[in-house]
C-alpha atoms as a PDB file:
ATOM      1  CA  MET A   1       0.000   0.000   0.000  1.00  0.00           C
ATOM      2  CA  THR A   2       1.187   3.525  -0.789  1.00  0.00           C
ATOM      3  CA  SER A   3       2.362   5.505   2.226  1.00  0.00           C
ATOM      4  CA  LYS A   4      -0.533   7.294   3.830  1.00  0.00           C
ATOM      5  CA  THR A   5      -0.412  11.065   3.927  1.00  0.00           C
ATOM      6  CA  SER A   6      -3.496  13.114   4.573  1.00  0.00           C
ATOM      7  CA  PHE A   7      -5.500  15.079   2.067  1.00  0.00           C
ATOM      8  CA  SER A   8      -4.316  18.692   2.138  1.00  0.00           C
ATOM      9  CA  TRP A   9      -7.209  21.118   2.552  1.00  0.00           C
ATOM     10  CA  ASP A  10      -4.709  23.979   2.278  1.00  0.00           C
ATOM     11  CA  ALA A  11      -3.714  22.798  -1.199  1.00  0.00           C
ATOM     12  CA  TYR A  12      -7.357  22.263  -2.159  1.00  0.00           C
ATOM     13  CA  ASN A  13      -8.314  25.772  -1.029  1.00  0.00           C
ATOM     14  CA  LYS A  14      -5.530  27.318  -3.119  1.00  0.00           C
ATOM     15  CA  ALA A  15      -7.327  26.019  -6.211  1.00  0.00           C
ATOM     16  CA  PRO A  16     -10.718  24.450  -5.387  1.00  0.00           C
ATOM     17  CA  ILE A  17     -11.074  22.629  -8.694  1.00  0.00           C
ATOM     18  CA  VAL A  18     -11.225  18.830  -8.775  1.00  0.00           C
ATOM     19  CA  GLY A  19      -9.904  17.658 -12.140  1.00  0.00           C
ATOM     20  CA  ILE A  20     -11.657  14.451 -13.159  1.00  0.00           C
ATOM     21  CA  ILE A  21      -9.612  12.082 -15.318  1.00  0.00           C
ATOM     22  CA  ARG A  22     -11.470   9.253 -17.007  1.00  0.00           C
ATOM     23  CA  GLY A  23     -10.232   6.779 -19.588  1.00  0.00           C
ATOM     24  CA  GLU A  24      -6.673   8.054 -20.095  1.00  0.00           C
ATOM     25  CA  SER A  25      -3.541   5.904 -20.079  1.00  0.00           C
ATOM     26  CA  ILE A  26      -1.013   6.066 -17.271  1.00  0.00           C
ATOM     27  CA  ASP A  27       1.549   7.810 -19.528  1.00  0.00           C
ATOM     28  CA  ILE A  28      -0.925  10.511 -20.565  1.00  0.00           C
ATOM     29  CA  VAL A  29      -2.037  11.001 -16.959  1.00  0.00           C
ATOM     30  CA  ARG A  30       1.582  11.563 -15.959  1.00  0.00           C
ATOM     31  CA  GLU A  31       1.881  14.388 -18.513  1.00  0.00           C
ATOM     32  CA  ILE A  32      -1.478  15.864 -17.469  1.00  0.00           C
ATOM     33  CA  ALA A  33      -0.294  15.866 -13.855  1.00  0.00           C
ATOM     34  CA  LYS A  34       2.864  17.780 -14.805  1.00  0.00           C
ATOM     35  CA  SER A  35       0.712  20.440 -16.498  1.00  0.00           C
ATOM     36  CA  TYR A  36      -1.638  20.447 -13.509  1.00  0.00           C
ATOM     37  CA  ILE A  37       1.163  21.165 -11.052  1.00  0.00           C
ATOM     38  CA  ALA A  38       2.670  23.784 -13.379  1.00  0.00           C
ATOM     39  CA  ALA A  39      -0.682  25.610 -13.372  1.00  0.00           C
ATOM     40  CA  GLU A  40      -0.813  25.389  -9.555  1.00  0.00           C
ATOM     41  CA  LEU A  41      -3.799  23.085  -9.451  1.00  0.00           C
ATOM     42  CA  PHE A  42      -3.587  20.464  -6.733  1.00  0.00           C
ATOM     43  CA  THR A  43      -6.592  18.145  -6.536  1.00  0.00           C
ATOM     44  CA  ILE A  44      -7.092  15.403  -9.094  1.00  0.00           C
ATOM     45  CA  GLU A  45      -9.498  12.480  -9.298  1.00  0.00           C
ATOM     46  CA  ILE A  46      -9.065   9.235 -11.218  1.00  0.00           C
ATOM     47  CA  THR A  47     -12.371   7.483 -11.874  1.00  0.00           C
ATOM     48  CA  MET A  48     -12.447   3.841 -10.882  1.00  0.00           C
ATOM     49  CA  ASN A  49     -13.950   2.866 -14.239  1.00  0.00           C
ATOM     50  CA  THR A  50     -10.686   3.928 -15.905  1.00  0.00           C
ATOM     51  CA  LYS A  51      -8.469   1.030 -17.000  1.00  0.00           C
ATOM     52  CA  ASP A  52      -5.728   0.462 -14.409  1.00  0.00           C
ATOM     53  CA  ALA A  53      -7.182   3.193 -12.179  1.00  0.00           C
ATOM     54  CA  ASP A  54      -5.466   1.733  -9.124  1.00  0.00           C
ATOM     55  CA  LYS A  55      -2.059   1.747 -10.837  1.00  0.00           C
ATOM     56  CA  ILE A  56      -2.570   5.330 -12.012  1.00  0.00           C
ATOM     57  CA  ILE A  57      -3.485   6.456  -8.487  1.00  0.00           C
ATOM     58  CA  THR A  58      -0.415   4.737  -7.050  1.00  0.00           C
ATOM     59  CA  MET A  59       1.806   6.339  -9.710  1.00  0.00           C
ATOM     60  CA  LEU A  60       0.442   9.814  -8.989  1.00  0.00           C
ATOM     61  CA  ARG A  61       0.932   9.392  -5.246  1.00  0.00           C
ATOM     62  CA  SER A  62       4.503   8.273  -5.805  1.00  0.00           C
ATOM     63  CA  GLU A  63       5.585  10.818  -8.418  1.00  0.00           C
ATOM     64  CA  PHE A  64       3.514  13.893  -7.499  1.00  0.00           C
ATOM     65  CA  PRO A  65       3.584  14.293  -3.695  1.00  0.00           C
ATOM     66  CA  ASN A  66       2.150  17.827  -3.915  1.00  0.00           C
ATOM     67  CA  LEU A  67      -1.092  16.595  -5.455  1.00  0.00           C
ATOM     68  CA  ASN A  68      -4.232  15.532  -3.653  1.00  0.00           C
ATOM     69  CA  VAL A  69      -4.972  12.267  -5.459  1.00  0.00           C
ATOM     70  CA  GLY A  70      -8.418  10.735  -5.174  1.00  0.00           C
ATOM     71  CA  ALA A  71     -10.671   8.092  -6.659  1.00  0.00           C
ATOM     72  CA  GLY A  72     -13.945   8.894  -8.375  1.00  0.00           C
ATOM     73  CA  THR A  73     -16.954   6.842  -9.476  1.00  0.00           C
ATOM     74  CA  VAL A  74     -16.675   4.863  -6.246  1.00  0.00           C
ATOM     75  CA  CYS A  75     -20.050   3.102  -6.127  1.00  0.00           C
ATOM     76  CA  ASN A  76     -19.545   0.347  -3.556  1.00  0.00           C
ATOM     77  CA  ILE A  77     -17.296  -0.825  -0.749  1.00  0.00           C
ATOM     78  CA  ASN A  78     -15.180  -2.945  -3.117  1.00  0.00           C
ATOM     79  CA  ASP A  79     -14.341   0.145  -5.178  1.00  0.00           C
ATOM     80  CA  TYR A  80     -13.586   1.988  -1.951  1.00  0.00           C
ATOM     81  CA  GLU A  81     -11.195  -0.630  -0.627  1.00  0.00           C
ATOM     82  CA  LYS A  82      -9.394  -0.891  -3.970  1.00  0.00           C
ATOM     83  CA  ALA A  83      -9.045   2.909  -4.114  1.00  0.00           C
ATOM     84  CA  ILE A  84      -7.671   3.165  -0.581  1.00  0.00           C
ATOM     85  CA  GLU A  85      -5.262   0.293  -1.193  1.00  0.00           C
ATOM     86  CA  ALA A  86      -3.946   2.190  -4.227  1.00  0.00           C
ATOM     87  CA  GLY A  87      -3.302   5.239  -2.050  1.00  0.00           C
ATOM     88  CA  SER A  88      -6.330   7.487  -2.607  1.00  0.00           C
ATOM     89  CA  GLN A  89      -6.393  10.478  -0.283  1.00  0.00           C
ATOM     90  CA  PHE A  90     -10.045  11.264  -0.937  1.00  0.00           C
ATOM     91  CA  ILE A  91     -13.105   9.538  -2.366  1.00  0.00           C
ATOM     92  CA  VAL A  92     -15.750  10.837  -4.779  1.00  0.00           C
ATOM     93  CA  THR A  93     -19.022   9.046  -5.495  1.00  0.00           C
ATOM     94  CA  PRO A  94     -21.776   9.775  -8.038  1.00  0.00           C
ATOM     95  CA  ILE A  95     -24.389   8.454  -5.590  1.00  0.00           C
ATOM     96  CA  ILE A  96     -25.153   8.126  -1.901  1.00  0.00           C
ATOM     97  CA  ASP A  97     -23.932   4.776  -0.616  1.00  0.00           C
ATOM     98  CA  GLU A  98     -24.240   4.855   3.162  1.00  0.00           C
ATOM     99  CA  VAL A  99     -21.757   2.016   3.666  1.00  0.00           C
ATOM    100  CA  VAL A 100     -19.067   3.806   1.671  1.00  0.00           C
ATOM    101  CA  ILE A 101     -19.695   7.185   3.308  1.00  0.00           C
ATOM    102  CA  LYS A 102     -19.645   5.768   6.830  1.00  0.00           C
ATOM    103  CA  LYS A 103     -16.494   3.763   6.120  1.00  0.00           C
ATOM    104  CA  ALA A 104     -14.690   6.841   4.762  1.00  0.00           C
ATOM    105  CA  VAL A 105     -15.755   8.909   7.772  1.00  0.00           C
ATOM    106  CA  SER A 106     -14.573   6.119  10.092  1.00  0.00           C
ATOM    107  CA  ASP A 107     -11.234   5.959   8.260  1.00  0.00           C
ATOM    108  CA  ASN A 108     -10.888   9.762   8.362  1.00  0.00           C
ATOM    109  CA  ILE A 109     -10.797   9.925   4.552  1.00  0.00           C
ATOM    110  CA  PRO A 110     -12.472  12.991   2.985  1.00  0.00           C
ATOM    111  CA  ILE A 111     -15.475  11.915   0.946  1.00  0.00           C
ATOM    112  CA  PHE A 112     -17.439  13.895  -1.638  1.00  0.00           C
ATOM    113  CA  PRO A 113     -20.680  11.964  -2.304  1.00  0.00           C
ATOM    114  CA  GLY A 114     -22.995  12.866  -5.149  1.00  0.00           C
ATOM    115  CA  GLY A 115     -26.455  14.250  -4.385  1.00  0.00           C
ATOM    116  CA  TYR A 116     -29.058  15.921  -6.554  1.00  0.00           C
ATOM    117  CA  SER A 117     -32.111  16.905  -4.543  1.00  0.00           C
ATOM    118  CA  PRO A 118     -31.987  18.942  -1.313  1.00  0.00           C
ATOM    119  CA  THR A 119     -32.949  15.774   0.579  1.00  0.00           C
ATOM    120  CA  GLU A 120     -30.048  13.803  -0.926  1.00  0.00           C
ATOM    121  CA  ILE A 121     -27.646  16.691  -0.363  1.00  0.00           C
ATOM    122  CA  TYR A 122     -28.649  17.001   3.283  1.00  0.00           C
ATOM    123  CA  LYS A 123     -28.504  13.243   3.821  1.00  0.00           C
ATOM    124  CA  ALA A 124     -24.978  13.033   2.431  1.00  0.00           C
ATOM    125  CA  TRP A 125     -23.870  15.911   4.653  1.00  0.00           C
ATOM    126  CA  ASP A 126     -25.585  14.401   7.689  1.00  0.00           C
ATOM    127  CA  LEU A 127     -23.754  11.111   7.106  1.00  0.00           C
ATOM    128  CA  GLY A 128     -20.465  12.980   7.344  1.00  0.00           C
ATOM    129  CA  ALA A 129     -19.594  14.119   3.833  1.00  0.00           C
ATOM    130  CA  SER A 130     -16.692  16.580   3.692  1.00  0.00           C
ATOM    131  CA  VAL A 131     -18.250  18.244   0.652  1.00  0.00           C
ATOM    132  CA  VAL A 132     -21.380  17.240  -1.257  1.00  0.00           C
ATOM    133  CA  LYS A 133     -21.002  16.904  -5.000  1.00  0.00           C
ATOM    134  CA  ILE A 134     -24.057  18.235  -6.822  1.00  0.00           C
ATOM    135  CA  PHE A 135     -24.307  15.805  -9.701  1.00  0.00           C
ATOM    136  CA  PRO A 136     -25.144  16.252 -12.423  1.00  0.00           C
ATOM    137  CA  ALA A 137     -25.096  20.048 -12.244  1.00  0.00           C
ATOM    138  CA  THR A 138     -25.521  20.436 -16.009  1.00  0.00           C
ATOM    139  CA  LEU A 139     -29.221  21.295 -16.015  1.00  0.00           C
ATOM    140  CA  LEU A 140     -29.347  22.825 -12.531  1.00  0.00           C
ATOM    141  CA  GLY A 141     -26.848  25.638 -12.935  1.00  0.00           C
ATOM    142  CA  PRO A 142     -25.590  28.246 -10.448  1.00  0.00           C
ATOM    143  CA  THR A 143     -29.085  29.377  -9.430  1.00  0.00           C
ATOM    144  CA  TYR A 144     -29.767  25.929  -7.996  1.00  0.00           C
ATOM    145  CA  VAL A 145     -26.640  26.159  -5.838  1.00  0.00           C
ATOM    146  CA  LYS A 146     -27.774  29.522  -4.505  1.00  0.00           C
ATOM    147  CA  ASP A 147     -31.309  28.245  -3.835  1.00  0.00           C
ATOM    148  CA  VAL A 148     -30.096  25.136  -1.973  1.00  0.00           C
ATOM    149  CA  LEU A 149     -27.694  27.153   0.160  1.00  0.00           C
ATOM    150  CA  ALA A 150     -30.418  29.565   1.287  1.00  0.00           C
ATOM    151  CA  PRO A 151     -31.811  27.063   3.843  1.00  0.00           C
ATOM    152  CA  LEU A 152     -28.795  24.718   3.935  1.00  0.00           C
ATOM    153  CA  ASN A 153     -26.100  27.357   4.280  1.00  0.00           C
ATOM    154  CA  LYS A 154     -23.661  25.257   6.319  1.00  0.00           C
ATOM    155  CA  ILE A 155     -23.277  22.610   3.610  1.00  0.00           C
ATOM    156  CA  LYS A 156     -20.255  22.743   1.307  1.00  0.00           C
ATOM    157  CA  LEU A 157     -21.230  22.134  -2.318  1.00  0.00           C
ATOM    158  CA  LEU A 158     -19.143  20.948  -5.255  1.00  0.00           C
ATOM    159  CA  PRO A 159     -21.110  21.254  -8.521  1.00  0.00           C
ATOM    160  CA  THR A 160     -19.903  18.722 -11.081  1.00  0.00           C
ATOM    161  CA  GLY A 161     -21.027  18.243 -14.657  1.00  0.00           C
ATOM    162  CA  GLY A 162     -21.589  21.219 -16.901  1.00  0.00           C
ATOM    163  CA  VAL A 163     -19.042  23.495 -15.223  1.00  0.00           C
ATOM    164  CA  ASN A 164     -16.830  25.237 -17.783  1.00  0.00           C
ATOM    165  CA  LYS A 165     -14.631  28.302 -18.240  1.00  0.00           C
ATOM    166  CA  ASP A 166     -17.615  30.472 -19.145  1.00  0.00           C
ATOM    167  CA  ASN A 167     -19.709  29.670 -16.057  1.00  0.00           C
ATOM    168  CA  ILE A 168     -17.232  28.580 -13.366  1.00  0.00           C
ATOM    169  CA  LYS A 169     -17.172  32.026 -11.792  1.00  0.00           C
ATOM    170  CA  SER A 170     -20.959  32.104 -11.468  1.00  0.00           C
ATOM    171  CA  PHE A 171     -20.950  28.823  -9.516  1.00  0.00           C
ATOM    172  CA  PHE A 172     -18.535  30.311  -6.978  1.00  0.00           C
ATOM    173  CA  ALA A 173     -20.549  33.528  -6.855  1.00  0.00           C
ATOM    174  CA  ALA A 174     -23.594  31.403  -6.002  1.00  0.00           C
ATOM    175  CA  GLY A 175     -21.770  29.924  -2.997  1.00  0.00           C
ATOM    176  CA  ALA A 176     -20.068  26.762  -4.240  1.00  0.00           C
ATOM    177  CA  THR A 177     -16.897  25.936  -2.296  1.00  0.00           C
ATOM    178  CA  GLY A 178     -15.387  24.093  -5.257  1.00  0.00           C
ATOM    179  CA  VAL A 179     -16.205  22.505  -8.594  1.00  0.00           C
ATOM    180  CA  GLY A 180     -15.529  19.227 -10.328  1.00  0.00           C
ATOM    181  CA  MET A 181     -14.477  19.440 -13.978  1.00  0.00           C
ATOM    182  CA  GLY A 182     -13.819  16.679 -16.475  1.00  0.00           C
ATOM    183  CA  SER A 183     -13.777  17.230 -20.235  1.00  0.00           C
ATOM    184  CA  SER A 184     -14.237  20.994 -19.877  1.00  0.00           C
ATOM    185  CA  LEU A 185     -10.929  21.145 -17.983  1.00  0.00           C
ATOM    186  CA  LEU A 186      -9.024  18.335 -19.649  1.00  0.00           C
ATOM    187  CA  ASN A 187      -9.075  19.742 -23.160  1.00  0.00           C
ATOM    188  CA  LYS A 188      -9.222  16.661 -25.370  1.00  0.00           C
ATOM    189  CA  GLN A 189      -7.766  18.380 -28.430  1.00  0.00           C
ATOM    190  CA  LEU A 190      -4.692  19.611 -26.569  1.00  0.00           C
ATOM    191  CA  ILE A 191      -4.205  16.169 -25.031  1.00  0.00           C
ATOM    192  CA  LYS A 192      -4.633  14.481 -28.421  1.00  0.00           C
ATOM    193  CA  GLU A 193      -2.001  16.813 -29.865  1.00  0.00           C
ATOM    194  CA  ARG A 194       0.254  16.146 -26.861  1.00  0.00           C
ATOM    195  CA  ASN A 195       0.355  19.916 -26.382  1.00  0.00           C
ATOM    196  CA  PHE A 196       0.939  19.849 -22.661  1.00  0.00           C
ATOM    197  CA  ASP A 197       2.392  23.369 -22.536  1.00  0.00           C
ATOM    198  CA  GLY A 198      -0.869  24.517 -24.089  1.00  0.00           C
ATOM    199  CA  LEU A 199      -2.764  22.464 -21.528  1.00  0.00           C
ATOM    200  CA  THR A 200      -0.898  24.219 -18.712  1.00  0.00           C
ATOM    201  CA  GLU A 201      -1.985  27.596 -20.089  1.00  0.00           C
ATOM    202  CA  TYR A 202      -5.537  26.317 -20.502  1.00  0.00           C
ATOM    203  CA  PHE A 203      -5.566  25.273 -16.833  1.00  0.00           C
ATOM    204  CA  LYS A 204      -4.175  28.663 -15.783  1.00  0.00           C
ATOM    205  CA  ASN A 205      -6.866  30.507 -17.746  1.00  0.00           C
ATOM    206  CA  ILE A 206      -9.644  28.554 -16.042  1.00  0.00           C
ATOM    207  CA  LYS A 207      -8.111  29.055 -12.601  1.00  0.00           C
ATOM    208  CA  SER A 208      -7.807  32.804 -13.251  1.00  0.00           C
ATOM    209  CA  GLU A 209     -11.605  33.012 -13.587  1.00  0.00           C
ATOM    210  CA  ILE A 210     -12.022  32.273  -9.856  1.00  0.00           C
ATOM    211  CA  GLN A 211      -9.014  34.122  -8.459  1.00  0.00           C
ATOM    212  CA  GLU A 212     -11.177  36.393  -6.293  1.00  0.00           C
ATOM    213  CA  TYR A 213     -12.765  33.358  -4.604  1.00  0.00           C
ATOM    214  CA  ILE A 214      -9.519  31.570  -3.761  1.00  0.00           C
ATOM    215  CA  LYS A 215      -8.525  31.727  -0.123  1.00  0.00           C
END
């Protein structure tokens, strides 16, 4: 098992964007991670339905000690245990699985479960979620975040799905404490072209949109 070091909330707060990597090879992920660090982004998620996800997580933990490395698409306790064994420092789920949430809380591992309705969001928080991922946020938009936080103002929300460079600022203005971004952050064309210097600049441009909200 990879040596256990805790998730760094300080690093997360410097750039509260969770980059979601799905379906990329270990060699490509290594190059993405270099660009990520160069752009001063620090929190990255490898989905468990990516081929060799556990090996990729272990590689990132070993080669990029300044990154928060987590596992996404964790849907059951088997996924959870595999992710932790690989060295995941945080867990992200698309759903509410009480067993997984309670296990993460017991193990003192930050967990970002996915909720959609106010009831699901509150339940996830009540079970001990560190942050609740609003998923999918595509159709809901920033107004939904603002509306949910009116009565549930103590809950930390992480909209995921549909967040892009054009609207990221509005999600933070609505009260989100972070966002999850997949294809809108990991520019497929730049990756296909192996233009990792361009990818670094792309990351920096997105991060610059939320500079006023970074602690």
